[in-house]
Amino acid sequence: MFYIVELKDEAKNDIFELADYIFRFSFSQNISDKIYDEIYQKVFSLEFMPEMYQKILWEYRVALVKKTYRIFYRVEEENKKVIIVRVIRTDQNIEDILFN
């Protein structure tokens, strides 16, 4: 059974900001584009088995990309939806981001 993946505006902004951060740090559009693509590939892979990743923080789950980026999402079984809430670097505190 396939799930519909929905990205919240904050998650979309997070992805763009991460790509910009990577570009500014590496000065490489190629590296920035590659990470951007890998994040989106991981996001849309959740259409198939969103339960495969660990559940944390109540109803949220987290998927890792390159051990450096975390995708926080929740699964709505009744609607067959995966809602991407935030996408952050692993050195950021998720409690501050989710609840502030």
PDB file of N, CA and C in Angstrom:
ATOM      1  N   MET A   1       0.834  -1.177   0.000  1.00  0.00           N
ATOM      2  CA  MET A   1       0.000   0.000   0.000  1.00  0.00           C
ATOM      3  C   MET A   1       0.883   1.246   0.000  1.00  0.00           C
ATOM      4  N   PHE A   2       0.594   2.162  -0.858  1.00  0.00           N
ATOM      5  CA  PHE A   2       1.358   3.402  -0.940  1.00  0.00           C
ATOM      6  C   PHE A   2       0.772   4.459  -0.011  1.00  0.00           C
ATOM      7  N   TYR A   3       1.638   5.304   0.476  1.00  0.00           N
ATOM      8  CA  TYR A   3       1.247   6.435   1.302  1.00  0.00           C
ATOM      9  C   TYR A   3       1.459   7.716   0.497  1.00  0.00           C
ATOM     10  N   ILE A   4       0.704   8.733   0.821  1.00  0.00           N
ATOM     11  CA  ILE A   4       0.899  10.056   0.227  1.00  0.00           C
ATOM     12  C   ILE A   4       1.892  10.793   1.113  1.00  0.00           C
ATOM     13  N   VAL A   5       2.906  11.383   0.510  1.00  0.00           N
ATOM     14  CA  VAL A   5       3.891  12.161   1.262  1.00  0.00           C
ATOM     15  C   VAL A   5       3.540  13.638   1.143  1.00  0.00           C
ATOM     16  N   GLU A   6       3.409  14.276   2.291  1.00  0.00           N
ATOM     17  CA  GLU A   6       3.103  15.708   2.343  1.00  0.00           C
ATOM     18  C   GLU A   6       4.220  16.412   3.090  1.00  0.00           C
ATOM     19  N   LEU A   7       4.775  17.432   2.490  1.00  0.00           N
ATOM     20  CA  LEU A   7       5.818  18.230   3.143  1.00  0.00           C
ATOM     21  C   LEU A   7       5.207  19.507   3.688  1.00  0.00           C
ATOM     22  N   LYS A   8       5.357  19.708   4.979  1.00  0.00           N
ATOM     23  CA  LYS A   8       4.930  20.967   5.579  1.00  0.00           C
ATOM     24  C   LYS A   8       5.825  22.086   5.057  1.00  0.00           C
ATOM     25  N   ASP A   9       5.331  23.308   5.085  1.00  0.00           N
ATOM     26  CA  ASP A   9       6.117  24.447   4.601  1.00  0.00           C
ATOM     27  C   ASP A   9       7.449  24.562   5.334  1.00  0.00           C
ATOM     28  N   GLU A  10       7.442  24.286   6.653  1.00  0.00           N
ATOM     29  CA  GLU A  10       8.684  24.363   7.419  1.00  0.00           C
ATOM     30  C   GLU A  10       9.713  23.368   6.892  1.00  0.00           C
ATOM     31  N   ALA A  11       9.274  22.174   6.518  1.00  0.00           N
ATOM     32  CA  ALA A  11      10.184  21.155   5.991  1.00  0.00           C
ATOM     33  C   ALA A  11      10.747  21.578   4.642  1.00  0.00           C
ATOM     34  N   LYS A  12       9.901  22.149   3.792  1.00  0.00           N
ATOM     35  CA  LYS A  12      10.389  22.646   2.497  1.00  0.00           C
ATOM     36  C   LYS A  12      11.436  23.734   2.705  1.00  0.00           C
ATOM     37  N   ASN A  13      11.157  24.649   3.619  1.00  0.00           N
ATOM     38  CA  ASN A  13      12.115  25.716   3.931  1.00  0.00           C
ATOM     39  C   ASN A  13      13.411  25.141   4.499  1.00  0.00           C
ATOM     40  N   ASP A  14      13.282  24.129   5.353  1.00  0.00           N
ATOM     41  CA  ASP A  14      14.463  23.487   5.927  1.00  0.00           C
ATOM     42  C   ASP A  14      15.367  22.931   4.830  1.00  0.00           C
ATOM     43  N   ILE A  15      14.772  22.269   3.845  1.00  0.00           N
ATOM     44  CA  ILE A  15      15.556  21.658   2.771  1.00  0.00           C
ATOM     45  C   ILE A  15      16.278  22.728   1.961  1.00  0.00           C
ATOM     46  N   PHE A  16      15.580  23.796   1.619  1.00  0.00           N
ATOM     47  CA  PHE A  16      16.223  24.887   0.883  1.00  0.00           C
ATOM     48  C   PHE A  16      17.339  25.525   1.702  1.00  0.00           C
ATOM     49  N   GLU A  17      17.104  25.726   3.001  1.00  0.00           N
ATOM     50  CA  GLU A  17      18.130  26.313   3.860  1.00  0.00           C
ATOM     51  C   GLU A  17      19.332  25.397   4.005  1.00  0.00           C
ATOM     52  N   LEU A  18      19.101  24.083   4.098  1.00  0.00           N
ATOM     53  CA  LEU A  18      20.216  23.142   4.162  1.00  0.00           C
ATOM     54  C   LEU A  18      21.047  23.183   2.890  1.00  0.00           C
ATOM     55  N   ALA A  19      20.391  23.222   1.752  1.00  0.00           N
ATOM     56  CA  ALA A  19      21.111  23.290   0.476  1.00  0.00           C
ATOM     57  C   ALA A  19      21.937  24.573   0.412  1.00  0.00           C
ATOM     58  N   ASP A  20      21.370  25.672   0.869  1.00  0.00           N
ATOM     59  CA  ASP A  20      22.096  26.939   0.887  1.00  0.00           C
ATOM     60  C   ASP A  20      23.276  26.878   1.857  1.00  0.00           C
ATOM     61  N   TYR A  21      23.060  26.296   3.027  1.00  0.00           N
ATOM     62  CA  TYR A  21      24.118  26.134   4.027  1.00  0.00           C
ATOM     63  C   TYR A  21      25.271  25.298   3.451  1.00  0.00           C
ATOM     64  N   ILE A  22      24.937  24.209   2.792  1.00  0.00           N
ATOM     65  CA  ILE A  22      25.964  23.340   2.200  1.00  0.00           C
ATOM     66  C   ILE A  22      26.728  24.089   1.121  1.00  0.00           C
ATOM     67  N   PHE A  23      26.020  24.842   0.302  1.00  0.00           N
ATOM     68  CA  PHE A  23      26.685  25.612  -0.747  1.00  0.00           C
ATOM     69  C   PHE A  23      27.650  26.640  -0.140  1.00  0.00           C
ATOM     70  N   ARG A  24      27.187  27.353   0.880  1.00  0.00           N
ATOM     71  CA  ARG A  24      28.037  28.371   1.503  1.00  0.00           C
ATOM     72  C   ARG A  24      29.252  27.757   2.188  1.00  0.00           C
ATOM     73  N   PHE A  25      29.077  26.546   2.754  1.00  0.00           N
ATOM     74  CA  PHE A  25      30.174  25.873   3.446  1.00  0.00           C
ATOM     75  C   PHE A  25      31.167  25.249   2.472  1.00  0.00           C
ATOM     76  N   SER A  26      30.651  24.661   1.395  1.00  0.00           N
ATOM     77  CA  SER A  26      31.512  23.917   0.468  1.00  0.00           C
ATOM     78  C   SER A  26      31.889  24.711  -0.787  1.00  0.00           C
ATOM     79  N   PHE A  27      31.157  25.777  -1.074  1.00  0.00           N
ATOM     80  CA  PHE A  27      31.330  26.548  -2.313  1.00  0.00           C
ATOM     81  C   PHE A  27      31.132  25.670  -3.553  1.00  0.00           C
ATOM     82  N   SER A  28      30.329  24.616  -3.408  1.00  0.00           N
ATOM     83  CA  SER A  28      30.105  23.702  -4.525  1.00  0.00           C
ATOM     84  C   SER A  28      28.606  23.518  -4.753  1.00  0.00           C
ATOM     85  N   GLN A  29      28.131  23.988  -5.890  1.00  0.00           N
ATOM     86  CA  GLN A  29      26.729  23.785  -6.236  1.00  0.00           C
ATOM     87  C   GLN A  29      26.452  22.302  -6.455  1.00  0.00           C
ATOM     88  N   ASN A  30      27.432  21.574  -6.963  1.00  0.00           N
ATOM     89  CA  ASN A  30      27.287  20.144  -7.221  1.00  0.00           C
ATOM     90  C   ASN A  30      27.030  19.376  -5.917  1.00  0.00           C
ATOM     91  N   ILE A  31      27.800  19.667  -4.883  1.00  0.00           N
ATOM     92  CA  ILE A  31      27.612  19.005  -3.589  1.00  0.00           C
ATOM     93  C   ILE A  31      26.257  19.381  -3.006  1.00  0.00           C
ATOM     94  N   SER A  32      25.922  20.649  -3.066  1.00  0.00           N
ATOM     95  CA  SER A  32      24.639  21.117  -2.557  1.00  0.00           C
ATOM     96  C   SER A  32      23.476  20.411  -3.263  1.00  0.00           C
ATOM     97  N   ASP A  33      23.548  20.332  -4.585  1.00  0.00           N
ATOM     98  CA  ASP A  33      22.494  19.660  -5.360  1.00  0.00           C
ATOM     99  C   ASP A  33      22.402  18.181  -5.022  1.00  0.00           C
ATOM    100  N   LYS A  34      23.536  17.554  -4.820  1.00  0.00           N
ATOM    101  CA  LYS A  34      23.560  16.123  -4.503  1.00  0.00           C
ATOM    102  C   LYS A  34      22.867  15.840  -3.171  1.00  0.00           C
ATOM    103  N   ILE A  35      23.179  16.627  -2.148  1.00  0.00           N
ATOM    104  CA  ILE A  35      22.531  16.449  -0.841  1.00  0.00           C
ATOM    105  C   ILE A  35      21.037  16.750  -0.942  1.00  0.00           C
ATOM    106  N   TYR A  36      20.686  17.812  -1.643  1.00  0.00           N
ATOM    107  CA  TYR A  36      19.280  18.170  -1.875  1.00  0.00           C
ATOM    108  C   TYR A  36      18.531  16.986  -2.496  1.00  0.00           C
ATOM    109  N   ASP A  37      19.114  16.390  -3.524  1.00  0.00           N
ATOM    110  CA  ASP A  37      18.493  15.236  -4.192  1.00  0.00           C
ATOM    111  C   ASP A  37      18.385  14.035  -3.263  1.00  0.00           C
ATOM    112  N   GLU A  38      19.422  13.779  -2.468  1.00  0.00           N
ATOM    113  CA  GLU A  38      19.393  12.641  -1.547  1.00  0.00           C
ATOM    114  C   GLU A  38      18.321  12.812  -0.481  1.00  0.00           C
ATOM    115  N   ILE A  39      18.150  14.030  -0.006  1.00  0.00           N
ATOM    116  CA  ILE A  39      17.095  14.278   0.986  1.00  0.00           C
ATOM    117  C   ILE A  39      15.728  14.007   0.367  1.00  0.00           C
ATOM    118  N   TYR A  40      15.494  14.526  -0.828  1.00  0.00           N
ATOM    119  CA  TYR A  40      14.199  14.294  -1.478  1.00  0.00           C
ATOM    120  C   TYR A  40      13.981  12.826  -1.827  1.00  0.00           C
ATOM    121  N   GLN A  41      15.031  12.115  -2.201  1.00  0.00           N
ATOM    122  CA  GLN A  41      14.889  10.677  -2.467  1.00  0.00           C
ATOM    123  C   GLN A  41      14.451   9.947  -1.207  1.00  0.00           C
ATOM    124  N   LYS A  42      15.059  10.292  -0.082  1.00  0.00           N
ATOM    125  CA  LYS A  42      14.704   9.657   1.188  1.00  0.00           C
ATOM    126  C   LYS A  42      13.270  10.009   1.574  1.00  0.00           C
ATOM    127  N   VAL A  43      12.899  11.290   1.402  1.00  0.00           N
ATOM    128  CA  VAL A  43      11.536  11.728   1.724  1.00  0.00           C
ATOM    129  C   VAL A  43      10.520  10.906   0.938  1.00  0.00           C
ATOM    130  N   PHE A  44      10.720  10.786  -0.362  1.00  0.00           N
ATOM    131  CA  PHE A  44       9.721  10.102  -1.166  1.00  0.00           C
ATOM    132  C   PHE A  44       9.842   8.583  -1.118  1.00  0.00           C
ATOM    133  N   SER A  45      10.913   8.057  -0.532  1.00  0.00           N
ATOM    134  CA  SER A  45      10.984   6.618  -0.285  1.00  0.00           C
ATOM    135  C   SER A  45      10.015   6.219   0.828  1.00  0.00           C
ATOM    136  N   LEU A  46       9.570   7.199   1.616  1.00  0.00           N
ATOM    137  CA  LEU A  46       8.624   6.926   2.704  1.00  0.00           C
ATOM    138  C   LEU A  46       7.235   6.571   2.194  1.00  0.00           C
ATOM    139  N   GLU A  47       6.998   6.722   0.888  1.00  0.00           N
ATOM    140  CA  GLU A  47       5.720   6.309   0.300  1.00  0.00           C
ATOM    141  C   GLU A  47       5.485   4.812   0.479  1.00  0.00           C
ATOM    142  N   PHE A  48       6.555   4.053   0.571  1.00  0.00           N
ATOM    143  CA  PHE A  48       6.448   2.596   0.544  1.00  0.00           C
ATOM    144  C   PHE A  48       6.403   1.947   1.918  1.00  0.00           C
ATOM    145  N   MET A  49       7.282   2.333   2.828  1.00  0.00           N
ATOM    146  CA  MET A  49       7.322   1.735   4.164  1.00  0.00           C
ATOM    147  C   MET A  49       7.695   2.782   5.210  1.00  0.00           C
ATOM    148  N   PRO A  50       6.790   3.673   5.543  1.00  0.00           N
ATOM    149  CA  PRO A  50       7.153   4.735   6.485  1.00  0.00           C
ATOM    150  C   PRO A  50       7.431   4.234   7.901  1.00  0.00           C
ATOM    151  N   GLU A  51       6.974   3.051   8.239  1.00  0.00           N
ATOM    152  CA  GLU A  51       7.190   2.525   9.593  1.00  0.00           C
ATOM    153  C   GLU A  51       8.581   1.950   9.786  1.00  0.00           C
ATOM    154  N   MET A  52       9.376   1.925   8.727  1.00  0.00           N
ATOM    155  CA  MET A  52      10.687   1.284   8.825  1.00  0.00           C
ATOM    156  C   MET A  52      11.669   2.037   9.711  1.00  0.00           C
ATOM    157  N   TYR A  53      11.396   3.309   9.998  1.00  0.00           N
ATOM    158  CA  TYR A  53      12.312   4.096  10.816  1.00  0.00           C
ATOM    159  C   TYR A  53      11.797   4.206  12.243  1.00  0.00           C
ATOM    160  N   GLN A  54      12.729   4.435  13.143  1.00  0.00           N
ATOM    161  CA  GLN A  54      12.475   4.456  14.567  1.00  0.00           C
ATOM    162  C   GLN A  54      11.491   5.548  14.974  1.00  0.00           C
ATOM    163  N   LYS A  55      10.595   5.192  15.872  1.00  0.00           N
ATOM    164  CA  LYS A  55       9.651   6.170  16.426  1.00  0.00           C
ATOM    165  C   LYS A  55      10.301   6.829  17.637  1.00  0.00           C
ATOM    166  N   ILE A  56      10.243   8.168  17.647  1.00  0.00           N
ATOM    167  CA  ILE A  56      10.779   8.948  18.766  1.00  0.00           C
ATOM    168  C   ILE A  56       9.800  10.080  19.048  1.00  0.00           C
ATOM    169  N   LEU A  57       9.984  10.764  20.129  1.00  0.00           N
ATOM    170  CA  LEU A  57       9.183  11.952  20.443  1.00  0.00           C
ATOM    171  C   LEU A  57       7.697  11.772  20.126  1.00  0.00           C
ATOM    172  N   TRP A  58       7.049  10.936  20.878  1.00  0.00           N
ATOM    173  CA  TRP A  58       5.625  10.674  20.742  1.00  0.00           C
ATOM    174  C   TRP A  58       5.308  10.031  19.402  1.00  0.00           C
ATOM    175  N   GLU A  59       4.653  10.727  18.503  1.00  0.00           N
ATOM    176  CA  GLU A  59       4.229  10.108  17.234  1.00  0.00           C
ATOM    177  C   GLU A  59       5.231  10.329  16.107  1.00  0.00           C
ATOM    178  N   TYR A  60       6.339  10.978  16.361  1.00  0.00           N
ATOM    179  CA  TYR A  60       7.298  11.295  15.300  1.00  0.00           C
ATOM    180  C   TYR A  60       8.282  10.162  15.066  1.00  0.00           C
ATOM    181  N   ARG A  61       8.708  10.058  13.827  1.00  0.00           N
ATOM    182  CA  ARG A  61       9.754   9.126  13.422  1.00  0.00           C
ATOM    183  C   ARG A  61      10.877   9.942  12.806  1.00  0.00           C
ATOM    184  N   VAL A  62      12.054   9.320  12.692  1.00  0.00           N
ATOM    185  CA  VAL A  62      13.196  10.025  12.115  1.00  0.00           C
ATOM    186  C   VAL A  62      13.914   9.113  11.127  1.00  0.00           C
ATOM    187  N   ALA A  63      14.224   9.684   9.967  1.00  0.00           N
ATOM    188  CA  ALA A  63      15.021   9.008   8.948  1.00  0.00           C
ATOM    189  C   ALA A  63      16.309   9.808   8.785  1.00  0.00           C
ATOM    190  N   LEU A  64      17.418   9.110   8.701  1.00  0.00           N
ATOM    191  CA  LEU A  64      18.710   9.772   8.536  1.00  0.00           C
ATOM    192  C   LEU A  64      19.138   9.796   7.084  1.00  0.00           C
ATOM    193  N   VAL A  65      19.802  10.869   6.708  1.00  0.00           N
ATOM    194  CA  VAL A  65      20.426  10.994   5.390  1.00  0.00           C
ATOM    195  C   VAL A  65      21.904  11.274   5.650  1.00  0.00           C
ATOM    196  N   LYS A  66      22.756  10.332   5.256  1.00  0.00           N
ATOM    197  CA  LYS A  66      24.215  10.481   5.405  1.00  0.00           C
ATOM    198  C   LYS A  66      24.645  10.745   6.839  1.00  0.00           C
ATOM    199  N   LYS A  67      23.912  10.297   7.818  1.00  0.00           N
ATOM    200  CA  LYS A  67      24.228  10.498   9.231  1.00  0.00           C
ATOM    201  C   LYS A  67      24.393  11.966   9.610  1.00  0.00           C
ATOM    202  N   THR A  68      24.014  12.853   8.739  1.00  0.00           N
ATOM    203  CA  THR A  68      24.209  14.278   8.983  1.00  0.00           C
ATOM    204  C   THR A  68      22.891  15.046   9.010  1.00  0.00           C
ATOM    205  N   TYR A  69      21.860  14.513   8.382  1.00  0.00           N
ATOM    206  CA  TYR A  69      20.571  15.201   8.274  1.00  0.00           C
ATOM    207  C   TYR A  69      19.477  14.270   8.763  1.00  0.00           C
ATOM    208  N   ARG A  70      18.523  14.844   9.490  1.00  0.00           N
ATOM    209  CA  ARG A  70      17.407  14.067  10.035  1.00  0.00           C
ATOM    210  C   ARG A  70      16.095  14.578   9.453  1.00  0.00           C
ATOM    211  N   ILE A  71      15.282  13.638   9.020  1.00  0.00           N
ATOM    212  CA  ILE A  71      13.951  13.946   8.506  1.00  0.00           C
ATOM    213  C   ILE A  71      12.955  13.503   9.574  1.00  0.00           C
ATOM    214  N   PHE A  72      12.218  14.450  10.136  1.00  0.00           N
ATOM    215  CA  PHE A  72      11.215  14.148  11.145  1.00  0.00           C
ATOM    216  C   PHE A  72       9.842  14.123  10.485  1.00  0.00           C
ATOM    217  N   TYR A  73       9.115  13.056  10.770  1.00  0.00           N
ATOM    218  CA  TYR A  73       7.811  12.883  10.133  1.00  0.00           C
ATOM    219  C   TYR A  73       6.882  12.083  11.035  1.00  0.00           C
ATOM    220  N   ARG A  74       5.621  12.121  10.686  1.00  0.00           N
ATOM    221  CA  ARG A  74       4.633  11.284  11.374  1.00  0.00           C
ATOM    222  C   ARG A  74       3.790  10.579  10.321  1.00  0.00           C
ATOM    223  N   VAL A  75       3.246   9.457  10.716  1.00  0.00           N
ATOM    224  CA  VAL A  75       2.434   8.643   9.810  1.00  0.00           C
ATOM    225  C   VAL A  75       0.988   8.712  10.272  1.00  0.00           C
ATOM    226  N   GLU A  76       0.095   9.041   9.352  1.00  0.00           N
ATOM    227  CA  GLU A  76      -1.349   9.015   9.619  1.00  0.00           C
ATOM    228  C   GLU A  76      -1.915   7.794   8.913  1.00  0.00           C
ATOM    229  N   GLU A  77      -2.043   6.724   9.656  1.00  0.00           N
ATOM    230  CA  GLU A  77      -2.511   5.459   9.076  1.00  0.00           C
ATOM    231  C   GLU A  77      -3.916   5.576   8.488  1.00  0.00           C
ATOM    232  N   GLU A  78      -4.789   6.313   9.194  1.00  0.00           N
ATOM    233  CA  GLU A  78      -6.175   6.402   8.747  1.00  0.00           C
ATOM    234  C   GLU A  78      -6.296   7.079   7.381  1.00  0.00           C
ATOM    235  N   ASN A  79      -5.366   7.999   7.069  1.00  0.00           N
ATOM    236  CA  ASN A  79      -5.385   8.705   5.781  1.00  0.00           C
ATOM    237  C   ASN A  79      -4.332   8.191   4.809  1.00  0.00           C
ATOM    238  N   LYS A  80      -3.512   7.239   5.269  1.00  0.00           N
ATOM    239  CA  LYS A  80      -2.389   6.723   4.478  1.00  0.00           C
ATOM    240  C   LYS A  80      -1.496   7.875   4.028  1.00  0.00           C
ATOM    241  N   LYS A  81      -1.107   8.719   5.008  1.00  0.00           N
ATOM    242  CA  LYS A  81      -0.281   9.887   4.742  1.00  0.00           C
ATOM    243  C   LYS A  81       0.983   9.847   5.577  1.00  0.00           C
ATOM    244  N   VAL A  82       2.051  10.340   4.983  1.00  0.00           N
ATOM    245  CA  VAL A  82       3.299  10.595   5.693  1.00  0.00           C
ATOM    246  C   VAL A  82       3.492  12.101   5.660  1.00  0.00           C
ATOM    247  N   ILE A  83       3.572  12.712   6.829  1.00  0.00           N
ATOM    248  CA  ILE A  83       3.703  14.161   6.908  1.00  0.00           C
ATOM    249  C   ILE A  83       5.117  14.488   7.372  1.00  0.00           C
ATOM    250  N   ILE A  84       5.870  15.122   6.479  1.00  0.00           N
ATOM    251  CA  ILE A  84       7.233  15.537   6.782  1.00  0.00           C
ATOM    252  C   ILE A  84       7.144  16.861   7.527  1.00  0.00           C
ATOM    253  N   VAL A  85       7.618  16.862   8.762  1.00  0.00           N
ATOM    254  CA  VAL A  85       7.467  18.020   9.623  1.00  0.00           C
ATOM    255  C   VAL A  85       8.683  18.936   9.553  1.00  0.00           C
ATOM    256  N   ARG A  86       9.874  18.372   9.697  1.00  0.00           N
ATOM    257  CA  ARG A  86      11.106  19.161   9.665  1.00  0.00           C
ATOM    258  C   ARG A  86      12.235  18.327   9.078  1.00  0.00           C
ATOM    259  N   VAL A  87      13.241  19.011   8.537  1.00  0.00           N
ATOM    260  CA  VAL A  87      14.469  18.388   8.049  1.00  0.00           C
ATOM    261  C   VAL A  87      15.610  19.236   8.586  1.00  0.00           C
ATOM    262  N   ILE A  88      16.440  18.625   9.444  1.00  0.00           N
ATOM    263  CA  ILE A  88      17.471  19.406  10.136  1.00  0.00           C
ATOM    264  C   ILE A  88      18.807  18.677  10.125  1.00  0.00           C
ATOM    265  N   ARG A  89      19.858  19.422  10.447  1.00  0.00           N
ATOM    266  CA  ARG A  89      21.174  18.820  10.656  1.00  0.00           C
ATOM    267  C   ARG A  89      21.155  18.063  11.975  1.00  0.00           C
ATOM    268  N   THR A  90      21.976  17.048  12.099  1.00  0.00           N
ATOM    269  CA  THR A  90      21.989  16.253  13.329  1.00  0.00           C
ATOM    270  C   THR A  90      22.529  17.022  14.525  1.00  0.00           C
ATOM    271  N   ASP A  91      23.251  18.121  14.295  1.00  0.00           N
ATOM    272  CA  ASP A  91      23.770  18.894  15.417  1.00  0.00           C
ATOM    273  C   ASP A  91      22.754  19.906  15.957  1.00  0.00           C
ATOM    274  N   GLN A  92      21.570  19.955  15.375  1.00  0.00           N
ATOM    275  CA  GLN A  92      20.507  20.858  15.868  1.00  0.00           C
ATOM    276  C   GLN A  92      19.634  20.111  16.864  1.00  0.00           C
ATOM    277  N   ASN A  93      19.091  20.833  17.830  1.00  0.00           N
ATOM    278  CA  ASN A  93      18.232  20.256  18.868  1.00  0.00           C
ATOM    279  C   ASN A  93      16.787  20.231  18.372  1.00  0.00           C
ATOM    280  N   ILE A  94      16.242  19.054  18.184  1.00  0.00           N
ATOM    281  CA  ILE A  94      14.900  18.915  17.611  1.00  0.00           C
ATOM    282  C   ILE A  94      13.813  19.450  18.549  1.00  0.00           C
ATOM    283  N   GLU A  95      13.988  19.321  19.853  1.00  0.00           N
ATOM    284  CA  GLU A  95      12.961  19.816  20.778  1.00  0.00           C
ATOM    285  C   GLU A  95      12.788  21.329  20.613  1.00  0.00           C
ATOM    286  N   ASP A  96      13.895  22.049  20.467  1.00  0.00           N
ATOM    287  CA  ASP A  96      13.811  23.493  20.259  1.00  0.00           C
ATOM    288  C   ASP A  96      13.119  23.830  18.940  1.00  0.00           C
ATOM    289  N   ILE A  97      13.365  23.040  17.939  1.00  0.00           N
ATOM    290  CA  ILE A  97      12.810  23.302  16.606  1.00  0.00           C
ATOM    291  C   ILE A  97      11.336  22.942  16.535  1.00  0.00           C
ATOM    292  N   LEU A  98      10.962  21.786  17.062  1.00  0.00           N
ATOM    293  CA  LEU A  98       9.565  21.334  16.983  1.00  0.00           C
ATOM    294  C   LEU A  98       8.638  22.140  17.889  1.00  0.00           C
ATOM    295  N   PHE A  99       9.129  22.542  19.030  1.00  0.00           N
ATOM    296  CA  PHE A  99       8.235  23.107  20.031  1.00  0.00           C
ATOM    297  C   PHE A  99       8.433  24.595  20.281  1.00  0.00           C
ATOM    298  N   ASN A 100       9.179  25.266  19.442  1.00  0.00           N
ATOM    299  CA  ASN A 100       9.366  26.722  19.578  1.00  0.00           C
ATOM    300  C   ASN A 100       8.967  27.421  18.327  1.00  0.00           C
TER     301      ASN A 100
END
